Protein backbone atom coordinates (compact mmCIF):
# COMPACT_ATOMS: atom_id res chain seq x y z
CA MET A 1 -222.55 -58.97 37.19
CA LEU A 2 -221.57 -62.46 35.92
CA LYS A 3 -218.20 -63.34 37.41
CA VAL A 4 -215.42 -65.49 35.86
CA GLU A 5 -215.46 -67.97 38.76
CA HIS A 6 -219.18 -68.57 38.21
CA ILE A 7 -218.51 -69.42 34.57
CA PHE A 8 -215.89 -71.99 35.46
CA LEU A 9 -217.95 -73.54 38.26
CA ASN A 10 -220.94 -73.91 35.95
CA TYR A 11 -218.70 -75.38 33.26
CA GLN A 12 -217.35 -78.00 35.65
CA ALA A 13 -220.87 -78.95 36.69
CA ILE A 14 -222.05 -79.22 33.11
CA GLN A 15 -219.10 -81.48 32.21
CA LYS A 16 -220.47 -84.15 34.57
CA LYS A 17 -223.71 -84.34 32.58
CA PRO A 18 -224.27 -86.08 29.26
CA ILE A 19 -224.17 -83.05 27.00
CA LYS A 20 -222.32 -82.97 23.72
CA LYS A 21 -218.84 -81.45 23.84
CA LEU A 22 -219.67 -78.99 21.04
CA LEU A 23 -222.57 -77.62 22.98
CA LEU A 24 -220.41 -77.23 26.09
CA THR A 25 -217.82 -75.33 24.10
CA LYS A 26 -220.44 -72.97 22.69
CA ILE A 27 -221.88 -72.32 26.15
CA VAL A 28 -218.46 -71.38 27.50
CA GLU A 29 -217.72 -69.20 24.46
CA VAL A 30 -220.97 -67.30 24.90
CA ALA A 31 -220.37 -66.89 28.63
CA PHE A 32 -216.91 -65.44 28.12
CA PHE A 33 -218.26 -63.16 25.38
CA LEU A 34 -220.91 -61.82 27.73
CA PHE A 35 -218.35 -61.32 30.51
CA PHE A 36 -215.86 -59.38 28.42
CA ALA A 37 -218.67 -57.42 26.72
CA THR A 38 -219.78 -56.33 30.18
CA ILE A 39 -216.24 -55.22 31.00
CA SER A 40 -216.04 -53.32 27.72
CA LEU A 41 -219.35 -51.60 28.42
CA GLN A 42 -218.02 -50.52 31.80
CA LEU A 43 -214.98 -49.05 30.10
CA VAL A 44 -217.18 -47.15 27.64
CA ASN A 45 -219.28 -45.76 30.46
CA GLY A 46 -216.26 -44.40 32.23
CA GLN A 47 -216.35 -46.95 35.04
CA SER A 48 -212.96 -48.43 34.32
CA ILE A 49 -210.34 -49.21 36.88
CA LYS A 50 -208.38 -46.25 35.48
CA LYS A 51 -209.87 -43.40 37.49
CA PRO A 52 -209.75 -39.83 36.17
CA ASN A 53 -207.34 -37.33 37.66
CA ILE A 54 -208.86 -34.15 39.09
CA VAL A 55 -207.22 -30.72 39.15
CA PHE A 56 -209.10 -28.25 41.32
CA ILE A 57 -208.12 -24.57 40.96
CA VAL A 58 -209.46 -22.26 43.66
CA ILE A 59 -209.06 -18.51 43.24
CA ASP A 60 -209.56 -16.15 46.18
CA ASP A 61 -212.10 -13.31 46.03
CA LEU A 62 -212.68 -13.60 42.27
CA ASN A 63 -216.04 -12.23 41.18
CA ASP A 64 -217.52 -12.63 37.69
CA PHE A 65 -215.03 -10.25 36.00
CA PRO A 66 -213.23 -12.91 33.86
CA GLU A 67 -213.97 -13.17 30.14
CA GLY A 68 -216.70 -15.62 29.32
CA PHE A 69 -218.87 -14.60 32.24
CA TYR A 70 -220.99 -11.51 32.86
CA GLY A 71 -218.15 -9.44 34.24
CA HIS A 72 -216.04 -6.42 33.48
CA PRO A 73 -215.77 -5.47 29.76
CA GLN A 74 -212.07 -4.60 30.09
CA ALA A 75 -210.90 -7.75 31.89
CA LYS A 76 -208.13 -9.60 30.05
CA THR A 77 -208.20 -13.27 31.02
CA PRO A 78 -207.30 -15.30 27.91
CA HIS A 79 -206.38 -18.48 29.81
CA ILE A 80 -209.59 -18.64 31.84
CA LYS A 81 -211.52 -17.83 28.67
CA ALA A 82 -209.81 -20.67 26.78
CA LEU A 83 -210.52 -23.11 29.61
CA GLY A 84 -214.17 -22.06 29.61
CA ASN A 85 -214.38 -22.52 25.85
CA SER A 86 -213.02 -26.05 26.21
CA GLY A 87 -215.52 -27.14 28.86
CA VAL A 88 -218.72 -26.14 30.66
CA ARG A 89 -219.26 -22.66 32.08
CA PHE A 90 -221.77 -22.31 34.89
CA LYS A 91 -222.84 -18.68 34.55
CA ASN A 92 -225.04 -18.69 37.63
CA ALA A 93 -222.79 -20.26 40.25
CA TYR A 94 -222.85 -18.89 43.80
CA SER A 95 -220.97 -18.99 47.06
CA ASN A 96 -222.91 -20.41 49.99
CA ASN A 97 -221.26 -17.98 52.42
CA PRO A 98 -219.32 -15.08 50.87
CA MET A 99 -216.43 -15.05 53.37
CA CYS A 100 -213.19 -16.99 52.86
CA GLY A 101 -213.17 -19.27 55.90
CA PRO A 102 -216.81 -20.40 56.10
CA SER A 103 -217.14 -20.63 52.32
CA ARG A 104 -214.21 -23.03 51.98
CA ALA A 105 -215.23 -24.98 55.07
CA SER A 106 -218.62 -25.59 53.46
CA LEU A 107 -217.15 -26.33 50.01
CA PHE A 108 -214.57 -28.87 51.19
CA THR A 109 -216.89 -30.72 53.58
CA GLY A 110 -220.04 -30.48 51.47
CA VAL A 111 -222.10 -29.17 54.40
CA TYR A 112 -224.27 -26.04 54.33
CA PRO A 113 -223.37 -23.44 57.01
CA HIS A 114 -226.84 -23.72 58.54
CA ASN A 115 -226.29 -27.47 59.06
CA SER A 116 -222.89 -27.03 60.69
CA SER A 117 -223.48 -23.69 62.48
CA HIS A 118 -220.17 -22.51 61.03
CA PHE A 119 -220.76 -18.98 59.77
CA TRP A 120 -217.73 -16.88 60.58
CA MET A 121 -213.94 -16.92 60.72
CA LYS A 122 -213.21 -19.34 63.54
CA PRO A 123 -211.29 -22.41 62.34
CA TRP A 124 -213.55 -25.13 60.98
CA LEU A 125 -211.40 -27.58 62.96
CA GLU A 126 -213.19 -26.37 66.09
CA ASN A 127 -216.62 -27.25 64.65
CA ASP A 128 -217.95 -30.62 65.83
CA VAL A 129 -219.94 -31.27 62.65
CA LEU A 130 -217.20 -30.39 60.16
CA ILE A 131 -214.32 -32.11 61.93
CA ASN A 132 -216.39 -35.31 61.94
CA THR A 133 -217.14 -35.04 58.23
CA LYS A 134 -214.61 -36.16 55.63
CA THR A 135 -213.08 -33.39 53.57
CA ILE A 136 -212.76 -33.81 49.81
CA MET A 137 -209.09 -34.58 50.32
CA GLU A 138 -209.75 -37.27 52.94
CA LYS A 139 -212.40 -38.90 50.77
CA PHE A 140 -210.14 -39.08 47.72
CA LYS A 141 -207.20 -40.22 49.83
CA GLU A 142 -209.12 -43.17 51.30
CA SER A 143 -210.33 -44.01 47.77
CA GLY A 144 -206.79 -44.64 46.57
CA TYR A 145 -205.96 -41.22 45.15
CA TYR A 146 -202.66 -39.43 45.51
CA VAL A 147 -203.81 -36.16 47.12
CA VAL A 148 -201.55 -33.15 46.73
CA GLY A 149 -202.00 -29.40 47.11
CA SER A 150 -200.42 -26.00 47.53
CA GLY A 151 -201.45 -22.42 48.31
CA LYS A 152 -204.70 -21.20 49.82
CA VAL A 153 -207.06 -24.11 49.32
CA LEU A 154 -208.76 -25.04 52.59
CA HIS A 155 -208.79 -22.03 54.92
CA HIS A 156 -207.23 -23.04 58.26
CA ASN A 157 -205.55 -25.88 56.44
CA LYS A 158 -205.12 -29.31 58.05
CA VAL A 159 -201.97 -30.74 56.52
CA ASP A 160 -202.64 -34.39 57.34
CA VAL A 161 -205.67 -34.52 55.02
CA TRP A 162 -203.15 -34.37 52.16
CA THR A 163 -200.67 -36.94 50.90
CA GLU A 164 -198.34 -34.06 50.11
CA TYR A 165 -198.68 -30.31 50.63
CA LYS A 166 -196.24 -27.68 49.36
CA TYR A 167 -196.76 -23.97 50.21
CA LYS A 168 -199.09 -22.63 52.87
CA ALA A 169 -201.32 -19.64 52.15
CA ASP A 170 -199.26 -16.49 51.67
CA TYR A 171 -200.97 -13.10 51.19
CA SER A 172 -197.76 -11.26 50.32
CA PRO A 173 -195.96 -9.44 48.82
CA PHE A 174 -196.22 -6.87 51.58
CA VAL A 175 -194.41 -3.59 52.04
CA TYR A 176 -192.20 -3.44 55.12
CA ALA A 177 -190.86 -0.23 56.66
CA GLY A 178 -187.52 -0.09 58.47
CA ASP A 179 -185.46 -2.95 59.85
CA TYR A 180 -187.04 -6.30 60.61
CA ASN A 181 -188.75 -6.45 64.01
CA THR A 182 -190.98 -9.33 65.14
CA GLU A 183 -193.28 -6.81 66.84
CA LYS A 184 -193.90 -4.90 63.64
CA LYS A 185 -196.34 -5.68 60.85
CA PRO A 186 -196.11 -4.66 57.20
CA ILE A 187 -197.62 -1.38 56.06
CA SER A 188 -200.04 -0.43 53.32
CA HIS A 189 -198.71 0.29 49.87
CA PRO A 190 -197.13 3.77 50.26
CA ASP A 191 -199.09 5.14 47.29
CA VAL A 192 -202.41 4.61 49.10
CA PRO A 193 -203.63 7.69 50.99
CA ALA A 194 -205.56 7.93 54.24
CA PRO A 195 -208.18 7.24 55.43
CA PHE A 196 -208.33 4.11 53.24
CA ARG A 197 -204.93 2.90 54.40
CA THR A 198 -205.79 3.47 58.05
CA ASN A 199 -205.78 0.41 60.27
CA ARG A 200 -208.64 0.59 62.82
CA ILE A 201 -209.00 -2.31 65.27
CA VAL A 202 -212.29 -2.72 67.12
CA ASP A 203 -212.88 -5.71 69.36
CA GLY A 204 -209.89 -7.42 67.79
CA LEU A 205 -211.25 -7.07 64.25
CA ASN A 206 -209.75 -4.79 61.62
CA MET A 207 -212.57 -2.48 60.56
CA GLY A 208 -210.32 -0.16 58.60
CA GLY A 209 -207.71 -0.78 55.93
CA GLY A 210 -204.18 -1.59 56.96
CA PHE A 211 -201.60 -3.62 55.13
CA ILE A 212 -204.14 -6.13 53.77
CA ASP A 213 -207.50 -4.53 53.00
CA GLY A 214 -206.16 -0.98 52.79
CA SER A 215 -203.40 -1.70 50.33
CA PHE A 216 -203.32 -1.69 46.53
CA GLY A 217 -200.83 -0.75 43.85
CA PRO A 218 -198.03 -2.09 41.65
CA MET A 219 -194.82 -3.69 42.79
CA LYS A 220 -192.01 -1.21 42.29
CA ASN A 221 -188.39 -0.61 43.13
CA PHE A 222 -188.47 1.74 46.11
CA GLY A 223 -184.73 2.42 45.82
CA LYS A 224 -183.67 4.69 48.67
CA GLN A 225 -187.20 5.93 49.27
CA THR A 226 -188.12 6.20 52.90
CA PHE A 227 -191.44 6.22 54.70
CA ASN A 228 -191.56 8.04 58.03
CA GLY A 229 -187.80 8.00 57.98
CA GLU A 230 -187.53 4.26 57.31
CA ARG A 231 -186.46 2.29 54.26
CA LEU A 232 -189.08 0.39 52.30
CA TRP A 233 -188.74 -3.19 51.09
CA TRP A 234 -190.89 -6.11 49.95
CA VAL A 235 -191.41 -9.18 52.12
CA TYR A 236 -192.75 -12.70 51.71
CA GLY A 237 -194.67 -14.85 54.06
CA GLY A 238 -196.65 -14.23 57.18
CA PHE A 239 -197.49 -10.91 58.67
CA ARG A 240 -194.24 -10.81 60.65
CA SER A 241 -191.97 -13.00 58.54
CA GLY A 242 -189.44 -10.41 57.47
CA LYS A 243 -188.25 -12.59 54.58
CA GLU A 244 -187.18 -10.22 51.82
CA LEU A 245 -188.64 -10.46 48.33
CA LYS A 246 -186.26 -9.00 45.78
CA TYR A 247 -187.67 -6.54 43.27
CA ILE A 248 -185.25 -4.63 41.07
CA ASN A 249 -187.48 -4.51 37.99
CA GLU A 250 -189.75 -6.83 36.02
CA GLU A 251 -186.78 -8.73 34.61
CA ASN A 252 -184.94 -9.00 37.91
CA ARG A 253 -187.22 -9.98 40.76
CA ASP A 254 -188.34 -12.91 42.88
CA LEU A 255 -191.53 -14.75 42.03
CA THR A 256 -194.67 -13.80 43.94
CA PRO A 257 -196.34 -16.48 46.12
CA ASP A 258 -199.00 -17.07 43.44
CA GLU A 259 -196.29 -17.48 40.81
CA LEU A 260 -194.48 -19.97 43.05
CA ASN A 261 -197.69 -21.99 43.40
CA ALA A 262 -198.25 -21.95 39.64
CA GLU A 263 -194.67 -23.08 39.03
CA TRP A 264 -195.02 -25.86 41.60
CA ALA A 265 -198.34 -27.08 40.11
CA HIS A 266 -196.91 -27.00 36.58
CA ASP A 267 -193.83 -29.03 37.53
CA LYS A 268 -195.79 -31.45 39.73
CA LEU A 269 -198.26 -32.17 36.92
CA LEU A 270 -195.43 -32.91 34.46
CA GLU A 271 -193.84 -35.17 37.05
CA LEU A 272 -197.12 -37.04 37.51
CA ALA A 273 -197.55 -37.31 33.74
CA GLU A 274 -194.22 -39.10 33.41
CA LYS A 275 -195.04 -41.79 35.96
CA GLN A 276 -196.48 -45.01 34.59
CA ASN A 277 -199.14 -47.13 36.31
CA GLN A 278 -199.47 -44.57 39.06
CA LYS A 279 -202.38 -43.87 41.34
CA PRO A 280 -204.90 -41.37 40.03
CA PHE A 281 -204.37 -38.00 41.63
CA PHE A 282 -206.37 -35.14 43.09
CA LEU A 283 -204.37 -31.92 42.85
CA SER A 284 -205.60 -28.59 44.17
CA VAL A 285 -203.83 -25.27 43.88
CA GLY A 286 -205.10 -22.09 45.51
CA PHE A 287 -204.25 -18.61 44.27
CA LEU A 288 -204.55 -15.57 46.57
CA ARG A 289 -205.12 -12.76 44.11
CA PRO A 290 -207.39 -10.90 43.66
CA HIS A 291 -207.71 -11.07 47.47
CA THR A 292 -206.38 -7.92 49.09
CA PRO A 293 -203.77 -6.49 49.20
CA LEU A 294 -204.30 -5.80 45.51
CA ILE A 295 -200.59 -5.81 44.72
CA ALA A 296 -199.23 -7.26 41.49
CA PRO A 297 -196.25 -6.71 39.17
CA GLN A 298 -196.25 -3.42 37.27
CA LYS A 299 -196.84 -5.08 33.90
CA TYR A 300 -200.38 -6.02 34.93
CA PHE A 301 -201.19 -2.44 35.92
CA ASP A 302 -199.84 -1.30 32.54
CA MET A 303 -202.56 -3.42 30.90
CA TYR A 304 -205.19 -1.10 32.38
CA PRO A 305 -204.33 2.62 32.00
CA LEU A 306 -206.00 4.58 34.77
CA ASP A 307 -207.61 7.15 32.48
CA SER A 308 -209.40 4.39 30.55
CA ILE A 309 -210.82 2.44 33.50
CA GLU A 310 -214.54 1.75 33.30
CA LEU A 311 -216.38 1.52 36.62
CA VAL A 312 -219.15 -0.96 37.27
CA ASN A 313 -222.70 0.35 36.97
CA ILE A 314 -222.95 2.35 40.20
CA LEU A 315 -226.29 4.09 40.63
CA PRO A 316 -226.35 7.09 43.03
CA GLY A 317 -228.67 6.42 45.93
CA ASP A 318 -228.85 2.72 45.09
CA LYS A 319 -228.46 1.72 48.73
CA ASP A 320 -231.54 3.68 49.82
CA ASP A 321 -233.93 0.76 49.29
CA THR A 322 -231.53 -1.83 50.75
CA PHE A 323 -230.94 -2.91 54.32
CA LEU A 324 -227.48 -4.39 54.88
CA HIS A 325 -226.08 -0.98 55.78
CA MET A 326 -228.84 -0.64 58.39
CA VAL A 327 -228.28 -4.04 59.98
CA ASP A 328 -226.01 -4.13 63.03
CA GLN A 329 -224.04 -7.16 61.97
CA PHE A 330 -221.90 -7.42 65.05
CA GLU A 331 -224.09 -6.05 67.85
CA THR A 332 -221.25 -3.75 68.86
CA LYS A 333 -221.80 -0.03 68.49
CA LYS A 334 -218.19 0.72 67.60
CA ARG A 335 -218.25 -1.72 64.73
CA ARG A 336 -220.00 -1.10 61.44
CA THR A 337 -220.68 -3.03 58.33
CA ARG A 338 -217.16 -3.52 56.96
CA SER A 339 -218.06 -2.96 53.34
CA VAL A 340 -219.64 0.42 54.11
CA GLU A 341 -216.54 1.60 55.90
CA MET A 342 -214.22 0.53 53.10
CA PHE A 343 -216.32 2.32 50.48
CA GLU A 344 -216.58 5.56 52.45
CA ASN A 345 -212.86 5.56 53.25
CA LEU A 346 -211.89 4.92 49.64
CA VAL A 347 -213.93 7.75 48.13
CA ALA A 348 -212.83 10.09 50.95
CA SER A 349 -209.15 9.43 50.23
CA TYR A 350 -209.14 11.34 46.93
CA GLU A 351 -210.25 14.83 45.93
CA ASN A 352 -212.32 13.29 43.16
CA PRO A 353 -214.42 10.47 44.70
CA LEU A 354 -214.38 8.54 41.41
CA GLU A 355 -210.56 8.45 41.38
CA GLY A 356 -210.44 6.10 44.34
CA LEU A 357 -212.91 3.75 42.70
CA LYS A 358 -210.95 3.84 39.44
CA ARG A 359 -207.63 3.13 41.17
CA PHE A 360 -209.13 0.27 43.15
CA THR A 361 -210.78 -1.17 40.03
CA GLN A 362 -207.50 -0.89 38.14
CA ALA A 363 -205.71 -2.81 40.91
CA TYR A 364 -208.39 -5.49 41.00
CA LEU A 365 -208.25 -5.96 37.22
CA ALA A 366 -204.44 -6.12 37.37
CA CYS A 367 -204.65 -8.89 39.97
CA VAL A 368 -207.27 -10.74 37.92
CA SER A 369 -204.93 -10.74 34.90
CA ALA A 370 -202.03 -11.81 37.10
CA VAL A 371 -203.92 -14.82 38.40
CA ASP A 372 -205.05 -15.63 34.85
CA ASP A 373 -201.42 -16.02 33.79
CA ASN A 374 -200.85 -18.36 36.73
CA VAL A 375 -203.92 -20.39 35.79
CA GLY A 376 -202.55 -20.58 32.26
CA LYS A 377 -199.30 -22.10 33.48
CA VAL A 378 -201.19 -24.87 35.30
CA ILE A 379 -203.45 -25.59 32.32
CA SER A 380 -200.50 -25.72 29.90
CA ALA A 381 -198.94 -28.59 31.86
CA ILE A 382 -202.15 -30.59 31.37
CA ASN A 383 -202.81 -29.64 27.75
CA ASN A 384 -199.23 -30.42 26.66
CA SER A 385 -198.86 -33.78 28.34
CA SER A 386 -200.42 -37.22 28.50
CA LEU A 387 -202.76 -35.95 31.22
CA LYS A 388 -205.06 -34.09 28.85
CA ASP A 389 -207.47 -36.91 28.03
CA ASN A 390 -207.90 -38.26 31.56
CA THR A 391 -207.75 -35.16 33.76
CA ILE A 392 -210.83 -33.25 34.87
CA ILE A 393 -210.26 -29.53 35.52
CA ILE A 394 -212.48 -27.52 37.84
CA LEU A 395 -211.92 -23.79 38.36
CA THR A 396 -213.87 -21.57 40.73
CA SER A 397 -213.63 -18.99 43.51
CA ASP A 398 -214.73 -18.99 47.15
CA HIS A 399 -216.88 -15.86 46.65
CA GLY A 400 -217.04 -12.59 44.76
CA TRP A 401 -216.31 -8.96 45.61
CA THR A 402 -218.34 -5.77 45.27
CA MET A 403 -216.74 -2.81 43.51
CA GLY A 404 -218.82 0.11 44.75
CA GLU A 405 -222.34 -1.13 44.01
CA LYS A 406 -224.77 0.10 46.68
CA ASP A 407 -221.85 2.00 48.29
CA HIS A 408 -220.12 -1.23 49.26
CA ILE A 409 -216.61 -2.55 48.65
CA TYR A 410 -215.96 -5.96 50.16
CA LYS A 411 -217.53 -9.38 50.34
CA ASN A 412 -219.93 -10.64 53.06
CA SER A 413 -223.07 -9.30 51.42
CA LEU A 414 -225.90 -11.12 49.66
CA TRP A 415 -225.85 -9.15 46.42
CA GLU A 416 -224.73 -10.41 43.02
CA GLU A 417 -221.08 -9.35 42.87
CA SER A 418 -220.38 -10.63 46.38
CA THR A 419 -221.99 -14.06 45.95
CA ARG A 420 -221.51 -14.89 42.29
CA VAL A 421 -218.42 -16.85 41.27
CA PRO A 422 -217.01 -18.17 38.00
CA LEU A 423 -217.26 -21.95 37.64
CA ILE A 424 -215.74 -24.02 34.84
CA ILE A 425 -215.67 -27.81 34.57
CA ARG A 426 -213.82 -29.60 31.79
CA ALA A 427 -214.36 -33.34 31.88
CA PRO A 428 -212.86 -35.15 28.87
CA SER A 429 -215.27 -37.48 27.06
CA ILE A 430 -218.15 -36.17 29.20
CA SER A 431 -218.38 -32.40 28.70
CA SER A 432 -218.76 -30.66 25.36
CA PRO A 433 -216.65 -27.62 24.44
CA ASN A 434 -218.09 -24.15 24.93
CA SER A 435 -221.15 -25.33 26.84
CA ILE A 436 -223.10 -22.95 29.07
CA VAL A 437 -225.32 -23.78 32.05
CA ASP A 438 -227.73 -21.07 33.18
CA HIS A 439 -229.41 -22.98 36.01
CA PRO A 440 -228.39 -21.57 39.43
CA VAL A 441 -225.97 -23.85 41.28
CA SER A 442 -223.60 -23.30 44.20
CA LEU A 443 -220.26 -24.40 45.61
CA ILE A 444 -221.98 -26.97 47.83
CA ASP A 445 -222.55 -29.01 44.64
CA LEU A 446 -218.88 -29.48 43.78
CA TYR A 447 -218.08 -32.22 46.31
CA PRO A 448 -220.75 -34.68 45.07
CA THR A 449 -219.85 -33.74 41.49
CA MET A 450 -216.22 -34.75 41.97
CA LEU A 451 -217.23 -38.01 43.63
CA GLU A 452 -219.52 -39.01 40.78
CA LEU A 453 -216.94 -38.09 38.15
CA ALA A 454 -214.41 -40.27 39.97
CA GLY A 455 -216.85 -43.13 40.57
CA ILE A 456 -216.57 -42.81 44.36
CA ASN A 457 -219.45 -43.33 46.79
CA ASN A 458 -220.85 -40.29 48.64
CA GLU A 459 -220.55 -41.51 52.23
CA THR A 460 -218.67 -38.70 53.99
CA LYS A 461 -219.72 -38.97 57.66
CA LYS A 462 -216.92 -40.14 59.94
CA ASN A 463 -219.45 -40.88 62.67
CA ASN A 464 -222.89 -39.77 63.83
CA MET A 465 -221.56 -36.32 64.69
CA GLY A 466 -220.75 -35.63 61.05
CA HIS A 467 -223.15 -34.64 58.29
CA GLU A 468 -224.01 -36.11 54.91
CA LEU A 469 -223.44 -34.21 51.68
CA ASP A 470 -225.92 -31.36 51.19
CA GLY A 471 -225.25 -30.66 47.53
CA TYR A 472 -226.21 -32.39 44.30
CA SER A 473 -223.94 -33.65 41.56
CA LEU A 474 -223.64 -31.38 38.55
CA VAL A 475 -222.85 -34.28 36.21
CA PRO A 476 -226.30 -34.10 34.53
CA PHE A 477 -225.47 -30.49 33.53
CA ILE A 478 -221.98 -31.46 32.41
CA LYS A 479 -223.46 -34.08 30.08
CA ASN A 480 -226.35 -31.88 28.94
CA PRO A 481 -226.28 -28.16 29.85
CA LEU A 482 -229.97 -27.82 29.01
CA THR A 483 -231.15 -30.79 31.04
CA THR A 484 -234.18 -30.54 33.27
CA ASN A 485 -233.28 -33.85 34.88
CA TRP A 486 -231.48 -32.52 37.97
CA ASP A 487 -232.46 -33.36 41.52
CA GLY A 488 -231.05 -30.19 43.04
CA PRO A 489 -233.04 -27.12 44.13
CA LYS A 490 -234.46 -24.45 41.83
CA GLY A 491 -232.22 -21.82 43.40
CA ALA A 492 -228.82 -21.25 44.99
CA LEU A 493 -228.75 -20.50 48.73
CA SER A 494 -226.33 -18.07 50.39
CA VAL A 495 -226.00 -16.91 53.99
CA VAL A 496 -224.24 -13.95 55.59
CA TYR A 497 -223.12 -13.78 59.20
CA SER A 498 -225.13 -11.37 61.32
CA SER A 499 -224.29 -11.60 64.98
CA ASP A 500 -221.45 -12.20 67.41
CA ILE A 501 -223.83 -12.90 70.25
CA ASN A 502 -225.86 -15.51 68.38
CA GLN A 503 -223.18 -16.64 65.96
CA TYR A 504 -223.93 -20.37 66.33
CA ILE A 505 -227.70 -20.08 65.91
CA PRO A 506 -228.52 -20.78 62.23
CA GLN A 507 -231.84 -18.93 62.13
CA ASN A 508 -230.22 -15.73 63.39
CA HIS A 509 -228.38 -14.90 60.15
CA HIS A 510 -229.25 -13.33 56.78
CA TYR A 511 -230.26 -15.54 53.83
CA SER A 512 -230.64 -15.20 50.08
CA ILE A 513 -231.95 -17.39 47.27
CA VAL A 514 -231.18 -16.92 43.56
CA THR A 515 -233.33 -18.46 40.85
CA LYS A 516 -233.03 -17.94 37.11
CA ASN A 517 -235.28 -14.91 37.29
CA PHE A 518 -235.11 -13.50 40.81
CA ARG A 519 -232.97 -12.83 43.87
CA TYR A 520 -234.66 -12.73 47.26
CA ILE A 521 -232.90 -11.58 50.47
CA VAL A 522 -234.27 -11.78 53.99
CA TYR A 523 -232.42 -10.25 56.94
CA ASN A 524 -232.77 -11.47 60.52
CA THR A 525 -234.76 -8.31 61.23
CA GLY A 526 -237.49 -9.34 58.79
CA GLN A 527 -236.45 -6.77 56.18
CA GLU A 528 -236.47 -8.07 52.62
CA GLU A 529 -235.12 -7.35 49.16
CA LEU A 530 -236.40 -8.72 45.85
CA TYR A 531 -234.79 -8.18 42.45
CA ASP A 532 -235.85 -9.15 38.94
CA ARG A 533 -232.64 -10.59 37.47
CA ILE A 534 -233.90 -10.42 33.89
CA SER A 535 -235.04 -6.81 33.68
CA ASP A 536 -232.73 -5.53 36.44
CA PRO A 537 -229.47 -7.58 36.42
CA ASP A 538 -227.62 -4.91 38.43
CA GLU A 539 -230.18 -5.19 41.24
CA HIS A 540 -231.06 -1.52 41.36
CA VAL A 541 -234.80 -1.77 42.13
CA ASN A 542 -236.00 -3.51 45.27
CA LEU A 543 -239.43 -4.89 44.38
CA ILE A 544 -240.28 -5.99 47.90
CA TYR A 545 -242.42 -2.92 48.44
CA LYS A 546 -244.82 -4.38 45.92
CA ASN A 547 -246.30 -6.75 48.48
CA SER A 548 -248.46 -8.38 45.89
CA HIS A 549 -245.49 -9.64 43.87
CA PRO A 550 -246.27 -13.30 43.24
CA GLU A 551 -242.66 -14.53 43.59
CA THR A 552 -242.14 -13.44 47.20
CA LYS A 553 -244.04 -16.28 48.86
CA TYR A 554 -242.55 -18.86 46.51
CA LEU A 555 -238.98 -17.73 47.25
CA ARG A 556 -239.54 -17.73 51.00
CA ASN A 557 -240.81 -21.29 50.75
CA LEU A 558 -237.85 -22.24 48.57
CA ILE A 559 -235.44 -21.08 51.28
CA LYS A 560 -237.42 -22.99 53.90
CA SER A 561 -237.38 -26.15 51.80
CA ILE A 562 -233.56 -26.05 51.63
CA THR A 563 -232.96 -25.09 55.28
CA TYR A 564 -235.66 -27.41 56.74
CA PRO A 565 -236.28 -27.99 59.61
CA MET A 566 -234.63 -24.68 60.39
CA ILE A 567 -236.58 -21.56 59.41
CA PRO A 568 -234.62 -18.27 59.22
CA GLN A 569 -235.68 -15.79 61.85
CA GLY A 570 -236.33 -13.11 59.23
CA ILE A 571 -238.87 -15.27 57.42
CA SER A 572 -240.63 -16.13 60.69
CA LEU A 573 -240.91 -12.45 61.54
CA VAL A 574 -242.39 -11.63 58.13
CA GLU A 575 -244.86 -14.48 58.07
CA ASN A 576 -246.02 -13.93 61.64
CA LYS A 577 -246.87 -10.27 61.20
């Protein structure tokens, strides 16, 4: 670009030569015109010194139930729907690893699990690749952004990657029985029967229910009710905090942790809006619900009367041509696939097997509507302030959740409801309202997207032990939802943990690829599943038995092209038969 100092230097040189003064004046006028025209063009193209703000909303365990996606017909999510209508909805967005910890570790570092060997729930801070790769927060911080967050954002949070951090992740409210004791943990919601509420620990891992995964129901005033001879009360905080959460009724109660995070984000955004000539900011807020325990204020349960609950499309015997329930994920005989156990315990807890599924669905929907209200509070602070025209909003989830499909209730599977997530991006002056992208993308693509939107380079390695960004910017889709000019892959890759013994070996785990038309799954045993997403969106019919299906080879090769030079063990077993 032509610089001002070059103009003046050239002018001084020209002055020493016998050129008419009028001509010199015209030359300088043209030069300055070109310079300021260049600056103006930069401003038009969004490359101005005034960087956009970014608000990143991360919701825990939210599948595609919200309005505007392919989800549940009864879901009431007006705020998420309105946000989607004002921006771009990615209707085929997927988690790269449908478990909280590894999914967020991959999202916030931009590194695929197979490139970091981080597949399970150990802290990402102990992973040599990830700790030597800049997180989104670190990258924005070094680029001059004010970086602030609250709630469950980065699992196993590292506070010093933030400029300011408010509330740590809090899964409460929990029900506590009896007087506070540091040796005691909360209990399941007292309305939940056994065996679903039962806490069963095997090899240090909860394979049953307990106060987190075995708990669902409305907040209520327990009064003088006792449980096993002990009083019941609500608590905040960690699993042994003992900090009481007051609940008299809906008009007289303490805020839930998610409500506190929404209130903080709302007030922080208004505070930032009032400041003049401030740094641009990156603000992320993480909401826990609908992560278990599925506990929310009574008013959200009232929105979904139990007798009117519609279940997802559960086909009897649907698991018979699938293989996750046959795979020994943990290589320990006492441990089973978690999702199988949760499903069997839930249906066994009620005389009518469908009642358990209806109650669980009701609780999930209640929590979805609760988080929608909290999202709405955050969005309102942006829409009703000076931030609206220069603040990019991104909303997504770390992974989905199955609701009984294929006799599974949980995450950590490679089927649609476990891997699919809502994704909305509203970028003022770039995105068009009510736009829809059908091309499969994944969470790995969000890091490079944010960098491009903010005009920041994509160098994220701290040293040679780190890893470059694996994803591709979604900006081409934001500008034109129908574009074919995208450098990313034709499908979205997901992986599921398979083995304690070989947990750090990338090829040992289970992989899936989703294209517009198909989903292909390959387990580390060589067993496969193939679904036609157009004619069979609920993934009822495994086409893999039709060995002549032309898509199978293509999809295997697509996985290999993304994971290269690593080849999943399951694919090697199939191709070497």
